[in-house]
C-alpha atoms as a PDB file:
ATOM      1  CA  UNK A   1     162.840 -52.336 -25.706  1.00  0.00           C
ATOM      2  CA  UNK A   2     160.692 -54.982 -24.134  1.00  0.00           C
ATOM      3  CA  UNK A   3     157.817 -54.398 -21.412  1.00  0.00           C
ATOM      4  CA  UNK A   4     156.557 -57.260 -19.179  1.00  0.00           C
ATOM      5  CA  UNK A   5     153.066 -56.476 -17.847  1.00  0.00           C
ATOM      6  CA  UNK A   6     151.934 -58.234 -14.811  1.00  0.00           C
ATOM      7  CA  UNK A   7     147.956 -58.089 -14.782  1.00  0.00           C
ATOM      8  CA  UNK A   8     147.908 -56.811 -18.198  1.00  0.00           C
ATOM      9  CA  UNK A   9     144.470 -58.656 -18.898  1.00  0.00           C
ATOM     10  CA  UNK A  10     142.629 -55.801 -16.985  1.00  0.00           C
ATOM     11  CA  UNK A  11     141.352 -52.833 -17.145  1.00  0.00           C
ATOM     12  CA  UNK A  12     144.234 -50.393 -16.599  1.00  0.00           C
ATOM     13  CA  UNK A  13     146.708 -53.086 -17.427  1.00  0.00           C
ATOM     14  CA  UNK A  14     145.514 -53.612 -20.957  1.00  0.00           C
ATOM     15  CA  UNK A  15     145.012 -49.951 -22.019  1.00  0.00           C
ATOM     16  CA  UNK A  16     148.978 -49.578 -20.751  1.00  0.00           C
ATOM     17  CA  UNK A  17     149.918 -52.924 -22.513  1.00  0.00           C
ATOM     18  CA  UNK A  18     148.222 -51.187 -25.680  1.00  0.00           C
ATOM     19  CA  UNK A  19     150.258 -47.893 -25.151  1.00  0.00           C
ATOM     20  CA  UNK A  20     153.205 -49.782 -24.803  1.00  0.00           C
ATOM     21  CA  UNK A  21     152.874 -51.610 -28.389  1.00  0.00           C
ATOM     22  CA  UNK A  22     151.780 -48.352 -30.373  1.00  0.00           C
ATOM     23  CA  UNK A  23     155.196 -46.708 -28.580  1.00  0.00           C
ATOM     24  CA  UNK A  24     157.185 -49.438 -30.399  1.00  0.00           C
ATOM     25  CA  UNK A  25     157.390 -51.974 -27.205  1.00  0.00           C
ATOM     26  CA  UNK A  26     157.743 -55.630 -27.614  1.00  0.00           C
ATOM     27  CA  UNK A  27     154.816 -56.568 -24.975  1.00  0.00           C
ATOM     28  CA  UNK A  28     154.076 -59.471 -22.879  1.00  0.00           C
ATOM     29  CA  UNK A  29     151.269 -60.052 -20.758  1.00  0.00           C
ATOM     30  CA  UNK A  30     151.312 -62.020 -17.702  1.00  0.00           C
ATOM     31  CA  UNK A  31     147.974 -62.513 -15.913  1.00  0.00           C
ATOM     32  CA  UNK A  32     145.500 -65.256 -14.657  1.00  0.00           C
ATOM     33  CA  UNK A  33     143.744 -65.357 -18.081  1.00  0.00           C
ATOM     34  CA  UNK A  34     144.337 -64.639 -21.413  1.00  0.00           C
ATOM     35  CA  UNK A  35     143.630 -61.104 -22.146  1.00  0.00           C
ATOM     36  CA  UNK A  36     140.355 -60.794 -24.142  1.00  0.00           C
ATOM     37  CA  UNK A  37     142.171 -57.638 -25.424  1.00  0.00           C
ATOM     38  CA  UNK A  38     145.418 -59.165 -26.774  1.00  0.00           C
ATOM     39  CA  UNK A  39     146.651 -57.073 -29.919  1.00  0.00           C
ATOM     40  CA  UNK A  40     148.728 -58.625 -32.821  1.00  0.00           C
ATOM     41  CA  UNK A  41     152.390 -58.751 -31.465  1.00  0.00           C
ATOM     42  CA  UNK A  42     151.774 -59.200 -27.923  1.00  0.00           C
ATOM     43  CA  UNK A  43     152.414 -62.468 -26.208  1.00  0.00           C
ATOM     44  CA  UNK A  44     150.508 -63.839 -23.288  1.00  0.00           C
ATOM     45  CA  UNK A  45     151.671 -65.875 -20.569  1.00  0.00           C
ATOM     46  CA  UNK A  46     148.658 -67.144 -18.454  1.00  0.00           C
ATOM     47  CA  UNK A  47     149.695 -68.080 -14.679  1.00  0.00           C
ATOM     48  CA  UNK A  48     149.908 -66.772 -11.206  1.00  0.00           C
ATOM     49  CA  UNK A  49     152.375 -64.231  -9.785  1.00  0.00           C
ATOM     50  CA  UNK A  50     152.633 -66.574  -6.791  1.00  0.00           C
ATOM     51  CA  UNK A  51     154.625 -68.928  -8.919  1.00  0.00           C
ATOM     52  CA  UNK A  52     157.973 -67.636  -8.053  1.00  0.00           C
ATOM     53  CA  UNK A  53     159.990 -69.883 -10.172  1.00  0.00           C
ATOM     54  CA  UNK A  54     157.926 -68.872 -13.482  1.00  0.00           C
ATOM     55  CA  UNK A  55     157.992 -64.999 -12.376  1.00  0.00           C
ATOM     56  CA  UNK A  56     161.706 -65.166 -12.187  1.00  0.00           C
ATOM     57  CA  UNK A  57     162.223 -67.221 -15.412  1.00  0.00           C
ATOM     58  CA  UNK A  58     159.899 -64.751 -17.466  1.00  0.00           C
ATOM     59  CA  UNK A  59     161.350 -61.557 -15.760  1.00  0.00           C
ATOM     60  CA  UNK A  60     164.528 -62.380 -17.535  1.00  0.00           C
ATOM     61  CA  UNK A  61     165.666 -60.511 -20.614  1.00  0.00           C
ATOM     62  CA  UNK A  62     163.043 -57.819 -19.808  1.00  0.00           C
ATOM     63  CA  UNK A  63     163.814 -53.635 -20.051  1.00  0.00           C
ATOM     64  CA  UNK A  64     160.817 -52.904 -18.075  1.00  0.00           C
ATOM     65  CA  UNK A  65     158.531 -54.179 -15.870  1.00  0.00           C
ATOM     66  CA  UNK A  66     154.773 -53.251 -14.921  1.00  0.00           C
ATOM     67  CA  UNK A  67     152.921 -54.435 -11.999  1.00  0.00           C
ATOM     68  CA  UNK A  68     149.271 -54.379 -12.288  1.00  0.00           C
ATOM     69  CA  UNK A  69     148.097 -57.474 -10.907  1.00  0.00           C
ATOM     70  CA  UNK A  70     146.560 -58.506  -7.483  1.00  0.00           C
ATOM     71  CA  UNK A  71     143.414 -57.232  -5.611  1.00  0.00           C
ATOM     72  CA  UNK A  72     142.174 -53.873  -7.044  1.00  0.00           C
ATOM     73  CA  UNK A  73     138.619 -53.716  -5.626  1.00  0.00           C
ATOM     74  CA  UNK A  74     138.443 -51.970  -2.063  1.00  0.00           C
ATOM     75  CA  UNK A  75     135.313 -53.881  -1.057  1.00  0.00           C
ATOM     76  CA  UNK A  76     136.989 -57.288  -2.104  1.00  0.00           C
ATOM     77  CA  UNK A  77     140.194 -56.428  -0.159  1.00  0.00           C
ATOM     78  CA  UNK A  78     138.232 -55.599   2.953  1.00  0.00           C
ATOM     79  CA  UNK A  79     136.479 -58.913   2.603  1.00  0.00           C
ATOM     80  CA  UNK A  80     139.509 -61.126   2.099  1.00  0.00           C
ATOM     81  CA  UNK A  81     142.454 -59.341   3.954  1.00  0.00           C
ATOM     82  CA  UNK A  82     144.444 -62.432   3.872  1.00  0.00           C
ATOM     83  CA  UNK A  83     143.925 -62.863   0.025  1.00  0.00           C
ATOM     84  CA  UNK A  84     145.161 -59.170  -0.050  1.00  0.00           C
ATOM     85  CA  UNK A  85     148.380 -59.841   1.418  1.00  0.00           C
ATOM     86  CA  UNK A  86     149.062 -62.597  -0.526  1.00  0.00           C
ATOM     87  CA  UNK A  87     148.132 -61.221  -4.004  1.00  0.00           C
ATOM     88  CA  UNK A  88     149.175 -57.828  -3.593  1.00  0.00           C
ATOM     89  CA  UNK A  89     151.920 -57.549  -0.840  1.00  0.00           C
ATOM     90  CA  UNK A  90     153.763 -61.353  -1.621  1.00  0.00           C
ATOM     91  CA  UNK A  91     152.982 -61.301  -5.024  1.00  0.00           C
ATOM     92  CA  UNK A  92     154.643 -57.706  -5.691  1.00  0.00           C
ATOM     93  CA  UNK A  93     157.727 -58.731  -3.426  1.00  0.00           C
ATOM     94  CA  UNK A  94     158.189 -61.953  -5.785  1.00  0.00           C
ATOM     95  CA  UNK A  95     158.221 -59.682  -8.775  1.00  0.00           C
ATOM     96  CA  UNK A  96     160.592 -57.577  -7.172  1.00  0.00           C
ATOM     97  CA  UNK A  97     163.036 -60.256  -6.274  1.00  0.00           C
ATOM     98  CA  UNK A  98     162.867 -61.779  -9.466  1.00  0.00           C
ATOM     99  CA  UNK A  99     163.572 -57.917 -10.967  1.00  0.00           C
ATOM    100  CA  UNK A 100     166.781 -57.397  -8.993  1.00  0.00           C
ATOM    101  CA  UNK A 101     168.172 -61.225 -10.038  1.00  0.00           C
ATOM    102  CA  UNK A 102     167.499 -60.650 -13.534  1.00  0.00           C
ATOM    103  CA  UNK A 103     168.814 -57.067 -13.612  1.00  0.00           C
ATOM    104  CA  UNK A 104     165.972 -55.206 -15.189  1.00  0.00           C
ATOM    105  CA  UNK A 105     166.135 -51.353 -15.816  1.00  0.00           C
ATOM    106  CA  UNK A 106     162.684 -50.107 -14.390  1.00  0.00           C
ATOM    107  CA  UNK A 107     159.931 -51.507 -12.621  1.00  0.00           C
ATOM    108  CA  UNK A 108     156.619 -49.550 -12.401  1.00  0.00           C
ATOM    109  CA  UNK A 109     154.047 -50.239  -9.681  1.00  0.00           C
ATOM    110  CA  UNK A 110     150.140 -49.418  -9.712  1.00  0.00           C
ATOM    111  CA  UNK A 111     149.583 -47.709  -6.658  1.00  0.00           C
ATOM    112  CA  UNK A 112     146.661 -45.243  -5.365  1.00  0.00           C
ATOM    113  CA  UNK A 113     146.060 -41.674  -3.940  1.00  0.00           C
ATOM    114  CA  UNK A 114     144.480 -43.839  -1.252  1.00  0.00           C
ATOM    115  CA  UNK A 115     147.876 -44.106   0.405  1.00  0.00           C
ATOM    116  CA  UNK A 116     147.541 -40.592   1.505  1.00  0.00           C
ATOM    117  CA  UNK A 117     144.654 -41.467   3.326  1.00  0.00           C
ATOM    118  CA  UNK A 118     143.108 -43.272   6.356  1.00  0.00           C
ATOM    119  CA  UNK A 119     140.541 -44.673   4.136  1.00  0.00           C
ATOM    120  CA  UNK A 120     140.400 -47.768   1.905  1.00  0.00           C
ATOM    121  CA  UNK A 121     141.197 -50.339   4.433  1.00  0.00           C
ATOM    122  CA  UNK A 122     143.499 -53.485   3.568  1.00  0.00           C
ATOM    123  CA  UNK A 123     143.554 -52.121  -0.212  1.00  0.00           C
ATOM    124  CA  UNK A 124     145.374 -48.963   0.955  1.00  0.00           C
ATOM    125  CA  UNK A 125     147.414 -50.452   3.379  1.00  0.00           C
ATOM    126  CA  UNK A 126     148.517 -53.441   1.277  1.00  0.00           C
ATOM    127  CA  UNK A 127     149.679 -50.552  -1.327  1.00  0.00           C
ATOM    128  CA  UNK A 128     151.799 -48.672   1.425  1.00  0.00           C
ATOM    129  CA  UNK A 129     153.501 -51.660   2.231  1.00  0.00           C
ATOM    130  CA  UNK A 130     154.158 -52.552  -1.222  1.00  0.00           C
ATOM    131  CA  UNK A 131     155.469 -48.954  -1.654  1.00  0.00           C
ATOM    132  CA  UNK A 132     157.932 -49.256   1.609  1.00  0.00           C
ATOM    133  CA  UNK A 133     159.154 -52.525   0.222  1.00  0.00           C
ATOM    134  CA  UNK A 134     159.724 -51.226  -3.445  1.00  0.00           C
ATOM    135  CA  UNK A 135     162.041 -48.129  -1.617  1.00  0.00           C
ATOM    136  CA  UNK A 136     163.684 -50.805   0.624  1.00  0.00           C
ATOM    137  CA  UNK A 137     164.822 -52.871  -2.495  1.00  0.00           C
ATOM    138  CA  UNK A 138     165.921 -49.560  -3.910  1.00  0.00           C
ATOM    139  CA  UNK A 139     168.013 -48.743  -0.935  1.00  0.00           C
ATOM    140  CA  UNK A 140     169.562 -52.231  -0.730  1.00  0.00           C
ATOM    141  CA  UNK A 141     169.384 -53.527  -4.172  1.00  0.00           C
ATOM    142  CA  UNK A 142     169.737 -50.105  -6.466  1.00  0.00           C
ATOM    143  CA  UNK A 143     166.291 -51.123  -8.024  1.00  0.00           C
ATOM    144  CA  UNK A 144     165.153 -48.450 -10.480  1.00  0.00           C
ATOM    145  CA  UNK A 145     161.492 -47.743  -9.841  1.00  0.00           C
ATOM    146  CA  UNK A 146     158.313 -45.328 -10.484  1.00  0.00           C
ATOM    147  CA  UNK A 147     155.659 -45.635  -8.290  1.00  0.00           C
ATOM    148  CA  UNK A 148     152.333 -44.497 -10.060  1.00  0.00           C
ATOM    149  CA  UNK A 149     149.327 -43.335  -7.374  1.00  0.00           C
ATOM    150  CA  UNK A 150     146.352 -43.278  -9.725  1.00  0.00           C
ATOM    151  CA  UNK A 151     143.109 -41.495  -9.060  1.00  0.00           C
ATOM    152  CA  UNK A 152     139.413 -42.115 -10.144  1.00  0.00           C
ATOM    153  CA  UNK A 153     139.715 -44.000 -13.463  1.00  0.00           C
ATOM    154  CA  UNK A 154     137.136 -44.509 -16.144  1.00  0.00           C
ATOM    155  CA  UNK A 155     136.604 -45.303 -19.545  1.00  0.00           C
ATOM    156  CA  UNK A 156     136.342 -48.445 -21.894  1.00  0.00           C
ATOM    157  CA  UNK A 157     136.922 -52.036 -20.727  1.00  0.00           C
ATOM    158  CA  UNK A 158     135.809 -51.342 -16.832  1.00  0.00           C
ATOM    159  CA  UNK A 159     133.905 -53.685 -15.141  1.00  0.00           C
ATOM    160  CA  UNK A 160     131.059 -53.463 -12.661  1.00  0.00           C
ATOM    161  CA  UNK A 161     133.095 -52.593  -9.793  1.00  0.00           C
ATOM    162  CA  UNK A 162     133.916 -49.159 -11.536  1.00  0.00           C
ATOM    163  CA  UNK A 163     131.334 -46.747 -10.315  1.00  0.00           C
ATOM    164  CA  UNK A 164     131.151 -44.388 -13.128  1.00  0.00           C
ATOM    165  CA  UNK A 165     130.408 -47.394 -15.448  1.00  0.00           C
ATOM    166  CA  UNK A 166     127.932 -48.913 -13.084  1.00  0.00           C
ATOM    167  CA  UNK A 167     125.926 -45.601 -12.749  1.00  0.00           C
ATOM    168  CA  UNK A 168     125.756 -45.390 -16.326  1.00  0.00           C
ATOM    169  CA  UNK A 169     124.602 -48.319 -17.247  1.00  0.00           C
ATOM    170  CA  UNK A 170     121.890 -47.619 -14.494  1.00  0.00           C
ATOM    171  CA  UNK A 171     121.131 -44.481 -16.352  1.00  0.00           C
ATOM    172  CA  UNK A 172     120.594 -46.413 -19.772  1.00  0.00           C
ATOM    173  CA  UNK A 173     118.786 -49.410 -18.268  1.00  0.00           C
ATOM    174  CA  UNK A 174     116.779 -48.256 -15.822  1.00  0.00           C
ATOM    175  CA  UNK A 175     116.168 -44.477 -16.538  1.00  0.00           C
ATOM    176  CA  UNK A 176     117.503 -44.016 -12.799  1.00  0.00           C
ATOM    177  CA  UNK A 177     120.591 -43.278 -10.760  1.00  0.00           C
ATOM    178  CA  UNK A 178     120.889 -44.238  -7.143  1.00  0.00           C
ATOM    179  CA  UNK A 179     123.519 -42.452  -5.477  1.00  0.00           C
ATOM    180  CA  UNK A 180     124.520 -43.287  -1.774  1.00  0.00           C
ATOM    181  CA  UNK A 181     125.345 -40.009  -0.073  1.00  0.00           C
ATOM    182  CA  UNK A 182     124.454 -36.323  -0.515  1.00  0.00           C
ATOM    183  CA  UNK A 183     126.473 -35.880  -3.638  1.00  0.00           C
ATOM    184  CA  UNK A 184     128.982 -33.223  -2.363  1.00  0.00           C
ATOM    185  CA  UNK A 185     131.973 -35.486  -2.673  1.00  0.00           C
ATOM    186  CA  UNK A 186     134.589 -34.581  -4.799  1.00  0.00           C
ATOM    187  CA  UNK A 187     136.424 -36.611  -7.280  1.00  0.00           C
ATOM    188  CA  UNK A 188     138.988 -35.961 -10.065  1.00  0.00           C
ATOM    189  CA  UNK A 189     138.380 -38.380 -12.760  1.00  0.00           C
ATOM    190  CA  UNK A 190     140.811 -39.322 -15.383  1.00  0.00           C
ATOM    191  CA  UNK A 191     140.045 -41.380 -18.648  1.00  0.00           C
ATOM    192  CA  UNK A 192     142.100 -44.377 -19.051  1.00  0.00           C
ATOM    193  CA  UNK A 193     143.516 -43.509 -22.473  1.00  0.00           C
ATOM    194  CA  UNK A 194     145.190 -40.586 -20.471  1.00  0.00           C
ATOM    195  CA  UNK A 195     146.107 -42.666 -17.523  1.00  0.00           C
ATOM    196  CA  UNK A 196     147.651 -45.472 -19.976  1.00  0.00           C
ATOM    197  CA  UNK A 197     149.509 -42.650 -21.701  1.00  0.00           C
ATOM    198  CA  UNK A 198     150.930 -41.217 -18.552  1.00  0.00           C
ATOM    199  CA  UNK A 199     151.860 -44.398 -17.500  1.00  0.00           C
ATOM    200  CA  UNK A 200     153.733 -44.797 -20.481  1.00  0.00           C
ATOM    201  CA  UNK A 201     155.726 -41.190 -20.634  1.00  0.00           C
ATOM    202  CA  UNK A 202     157.263 -41.769 -16.625  1.00  0.00           C
ATOM    203  CA  UNK A 203     159.541 -44.200 -18.348  1.00  0.00           C
ATOM    204  CA  UNK A 204     161.419 -41.228 -19.399  1.00  0.00           C
ATOM    205  CA  UNK A 205     164.576 -40.804 -17.025  1.00  0.00           C
ATOM    206  CA  UNK A 206     163.433 -37.673 -14.768  1.00  0.00           C
ATOM    207  CA  UNK A 207     160.708 -40.046 -13.289  1.00  0.00           C
ATOM    208  CA  UNK A 208     163.477 -42.819 -12.290  1.00  0.00           C
ATOM    209  CA  UNK A 209     162.713 -43.315  -8.462  1.00  0.00           C
ATOM    210  CA  UNK A 210     159.692 -40.983  -8.379  1.00  0.00           C
ATOM    211  CA  UNK A 211     156.506 -41.243  -6.826  1.00  0.00           C
ATOM    212  CA  UNK A 212     153.932 -39.808  -9.672  1.00  0.00           C
ATOM    213  CA  UNK A 213     150.219 -39.020  -8.999  1.00  0.00           C
ATOM    214  CA  UNK A 214     148.152 -39.875 -12.227  1.00  0.00           C
ATOM    215  CA  UNK A 215     144.605 -38.106 -11.618  1.00  0.00           C
ATOM    216  CA  UNK A 216     142.307 -36.065 -13.543  1.00  0.00           C
ATOM    217  CA  UNK A 217     142.702 -32.180 -14.029  1.00  0.00           C
ATOM    218  CA  UNK A 218     139.098 -31.576 -13.384  1.00  0.00           C
ATOM    219  CA  UNK A 219     137.751 -31.578 -10.020  1.00  0.00           C
ATOM    220  CA  UNK A 220     133.997 -32.275  -9.885  1.00  0.00           C
ATOM    221  CA  UNK A 221     131.401 -32.903  -7.269  1.00  0.00           C
ATOM    222  CA  UNK A 222     129.467 -35.967  -7.414  1.00  0.00           C
ATOM    223  CA  UNK A 223     126.075 -34.075  -7.474  1.00  0.00           C
ATOM    224  CA  UNK A 224     127.290 -32.006 -10.490  1.00  0.00           C
ATOM    225  CA  UNK A 225     128.570 -35.138 -12.428  1.00  0.00           C
ATOM    226  CA  UNK A 226     125.155 -36.890 -12.311  1.00  0.00           C
ATOM    227  CA  UNK A 227     123.292 -33.562 -13.228  1.00  0.00           C
ATOM    228  CA  UNK A 228     125.724 -33.478 -16.264  1.00  0.00           C
ATOM    229  CA  UNK A 229     124.642 -37.233 -17.218  1.00  0.00           C
ATOM    230  CA  UNK A 230     120.987 -36.251 -16.602  1.00  0.00           C
ATOM    231  CA  UNK A 231     121.431 -33.573 -19.000  1.00  0.00           C
ATOM    232  CA  UNK A 232     123.322 -35.530 -21.724  1.00  0.00           C
ATOM    233  CA  UNK A 233     120.498 -38.141 -21.628  1.00  0.00           C
ATOM    234  CA  UNK A 234     118.012 -35.470 -22.253  1.00  0.00           C
ATOM    235  CA  UNK A 235     116.988 -34.934 -18.496  1.00  0.00           C
ATOM    236  CA  UNK A 236     115.093 -38.754 -18.856  1.00  0.00           C
ATOM    237  CA  UNK A 237     116.796 -39.642 -15.941  1.00  0.00           C
ATOM    238  CA  UNK A 238     115.876 -39.852 -12.285  1.00  0.00           C
ATOM    239  CA  UNK A 239     118.346 -39.087  -9.612  1.00  0.00           C
ATOM    240  CA  UNK A 240     117.912 -40.782  -6.215  1.00  0.00           C
ATOM    241  CA  UNK A 241     120.159 -39.644  -3.373  1.00  0.00           C
ATOM    242  CA  UNK A 242     120.044 -42.178  -0.233  1.00  0.00           C
ATOM    243  CA  UNK A 243     121.411 -42.184   3.120  1.00  0.00           C
ATOM    244  CA  UNK A 244     124.571 -44.141   3.577  1.00  0.00           C
ATOM    245  CA  UNK A 245     123.059 -45.957   6.660  1.00  0.00           C
ATOM    246  CA  UNK A 246     120.308 -47.399   4.407  1.00  0.00           C
ATOM    247  CA  UNK A 247     119.665 -51.039   4.526  1.00  0.00           C
ATOM    248  CA  UNK A 248     120.213 -51.656   1.137  1.00  0.00           C
ATOM    249  CA  UNK A 249     123.293 -49.469   0.603  1.00  0.00           C
ATOM    250  CA  UNK A 250     126.301 -51.319  -0.914  1.00  0.00           C
ATOM    251  CA  UNK A 251     128.483 -48.245  -0.234  1.00  0.00           C
ATOM    252  CA  UNK A 252     130.679 -48.320   2.805  1.00  0.00           C
ATOM    253  CA  UNK A 253     131.851 -44.817   4.141  1.00  0.00           C
ATOM    254  CA  UNK A 254     134.589 -46.444   5.722  1.00  0.00           C
ATOM    255  CA  UNK A 255     136.441 -47.053   2.779  1.00  0.00           C
ATOM    256  CA  UNK A 256     135.906 -43.701   0.570  1.00  0.00           C
ATOM    257  CA  UNK A 257     136.841 -40.247   1.042  1.00  0.00           C
ATOM    258  CA  UNK A 258     134.584 -37.301   0.903  1.00  0.00           C
ATOM    259  CA  UNK A 259     136.488 -34.262  -0.587  1.00  0.00           C
ATOM    260  CA  UNK A 260     140.078 -35.423  -0.572  1.00  0.00           C
ATOM    261  CA  UNK A 261     141.878 -38.508   0.001  1.00  0.00           C
ATOM    262  CA  UNK A 262     144.944 -36.643   1.704  1.00  0.00           C
ATOM    263  CA  UNK A 263     145.757 -37.159   5.590  1.00  0.00           C
ATOM    264  CA  UNK A 264     148.972 -35.824   7.273  1.00  0.00           C
ATOM    265  CA  UNK A 265     151.821 -37.696   5.354  1.00  0.00           C
ATOM    266  CA  UNK A 266     155.272 -36.377   5.009  1.00  0.00           C
ATOM    267  CA  UNK A 267     156.306 -38.281   1.357  1.00  0.00           C
ATOM    268  CA  UNK A 268     155.616 -36.181  -1.540  1.00  0.00           C
ATOM    269  CA  UNK A 269     154.918 -36.925  -4.976  1.00  0.00           C
ATOM    270  CA  UNK A 270     155.265 -35.327  -8.298  1.00  0.00           C
ATOM    271  CA  UNK A 271     152.123 -34.668 -10.270  1.00  0.00           C
ATOM    272  CA  UNK A 272     151.491 -35.368 -13.653  1.00  0.00           C
ATOM    273  CA  UNK A 273     150.145 -32.325 -15.445  1.00  0.00           C
ATOM    274  CA  UNK A 274     148.574 -33.266 -18.688  1.00  0.00           C
ATOM    275  CA  UNK A 275     148.859 -30.939 -21.680  1.00  0.00           C
ATOM    276  CA  UNK A 276     146.142 -32.661 -23.483  1.00  0.00           C
ATOM    277  CA  UNK A 277     143.329 -34.880 -22.110  1.00  0.00           C
ATOM    278  CA  UNK A 278     140.052 -36.528 -22.595  1.00  0.00           C
ATOM    279  CA  UNK A 279     137.163 -33.937 -21.409  1.00  0.00           C
ATOM    280  CA  UNK A 280     135.152 -35.880 -18.949  1.00  0.00           C
ATOM    281  CA  UNK A 281     131.930 -35.026 -20.770  1.00  0.00           C
ATOM    282  CA  UNK A 282     133.525 -36.324 -24.009  1.00  0.00           C
ATOM    283  CA  UNK A 283     134.482 -39.634 -21.872  1.00  0.00           C
ATOM    284  CA  UNK A 284     130.708 -40.239 -20.639  1.00  0.00           C
ATOM    285  CA  UNK A 285     129.585 -40.016 -24.061  1.00  0.00           C
ATOM    286  CA  UNK A 286     131.679 -42.673 -25.346  1.00  0.00           C
ATOM    287  CA  UNK A 287     130.525 -44.869 -22.526  1.00  0.00           C
ATOM    288  CA  UNK A 288     127.035 -44.451 -22.632  1.00  0.00           C
ATOM    289  CA  UNK A 289     127.269 -45.016 -26.682  1.00  0.00           C
ATOM    290  CA  UNK A 290     129.274 -48.399 -26.009  1.00  0.00           C
ATOM    291  CA  UNK A 291     126.582 -49.112 -23.213  1.00  0.00           C
ATOM    292  CA  UNK A 292     123.551 -48.769 -25.931  1.00  0.00           C
ATOM    293  CA  UNK A 293     125.075 -50.759 -28.420  1.00  0.00           C
ATOM    294  CA  UNK A 294     125.375 -53.553 -26.010  1.00  0.00           C
ATOM    295  CA  UNK A 295     122.091 -53.202 -25.106  1.00  0.00           C
ATOM    296  CA  UNK A 296     120.610 -52.874 -28.552  1.00  0.00           C
ATOM    297  CA  UNK A 297     122.435 -56.024 -29.335  1.00  0.00           C
ATOM    298  CA  UNK A 298     121.195 -57.969 -26.300  1.00  0.00           C
ATOM    299  CA  UNK A 299     117.647 -57.001 -27.189  1.00  0.00           C
ATOM    300  CA  UNK A 300     118.126 -58.375 -30.777  1.00  0.00           C
ATOM    301  CA  UNK A 301     118.860 -61.659 -29.555  1.00  0.00           C
END
């Protein structure tokens, strides 16, 4: 079986590409840059999903196509609505069109639980538009798809835009964590390894033409999460809460939900329940170890 992963050099896409390889798939990664995580046996195509001719030629002969490409950061999407529409909506439609012309077996789309919400600005609306377009391709052309609505992801390879990664870096380097808000917000974090595994397991036939929620099994308040991090680090970290209207606040309350992403929406999705998963505390420990190792290396230079 051959799998093509658009956006396979990124945080989520690279881990899904790895899990596909481990599961026996011949994997090709298509991204704007060569993946720094490329595994032995994985092929790489460096290009833009807006190159419709190349996308059409590339999709040929693949069994499964994943799309993780596009603008994934909500703040970036809010600042650049036109770029968000081009990369997220038009880019995805170019892939869908190539998919139909080449008779691929399954299309898997990287969506978000924010599609249930009135938060998320252009990021959320671009994902909603893509879901509707995918459903239309299914109705008109018989395209087989699976839409994955991801929750809060964390783990290795995440960048500075990942909130959990950024505060763990703060804790290690500054002995201080600044949180804008009161900490009562609730999240369901899922480790990237679990999310990647679920993203491959949904290739089972029972997930054809389904919307699937991929989120954590553990609900946790941000305040409790920060206290957990503080205790892991021997209580040697100061936690500071600041109001979201603070002039230096990078946090946009219009983009993020407090307790639930759900607002009334009649479309339902299956929730994938994992029999085994990486515990949040263990996942945080692993990230802290990696950050500490990087800091030691930098300090020794």
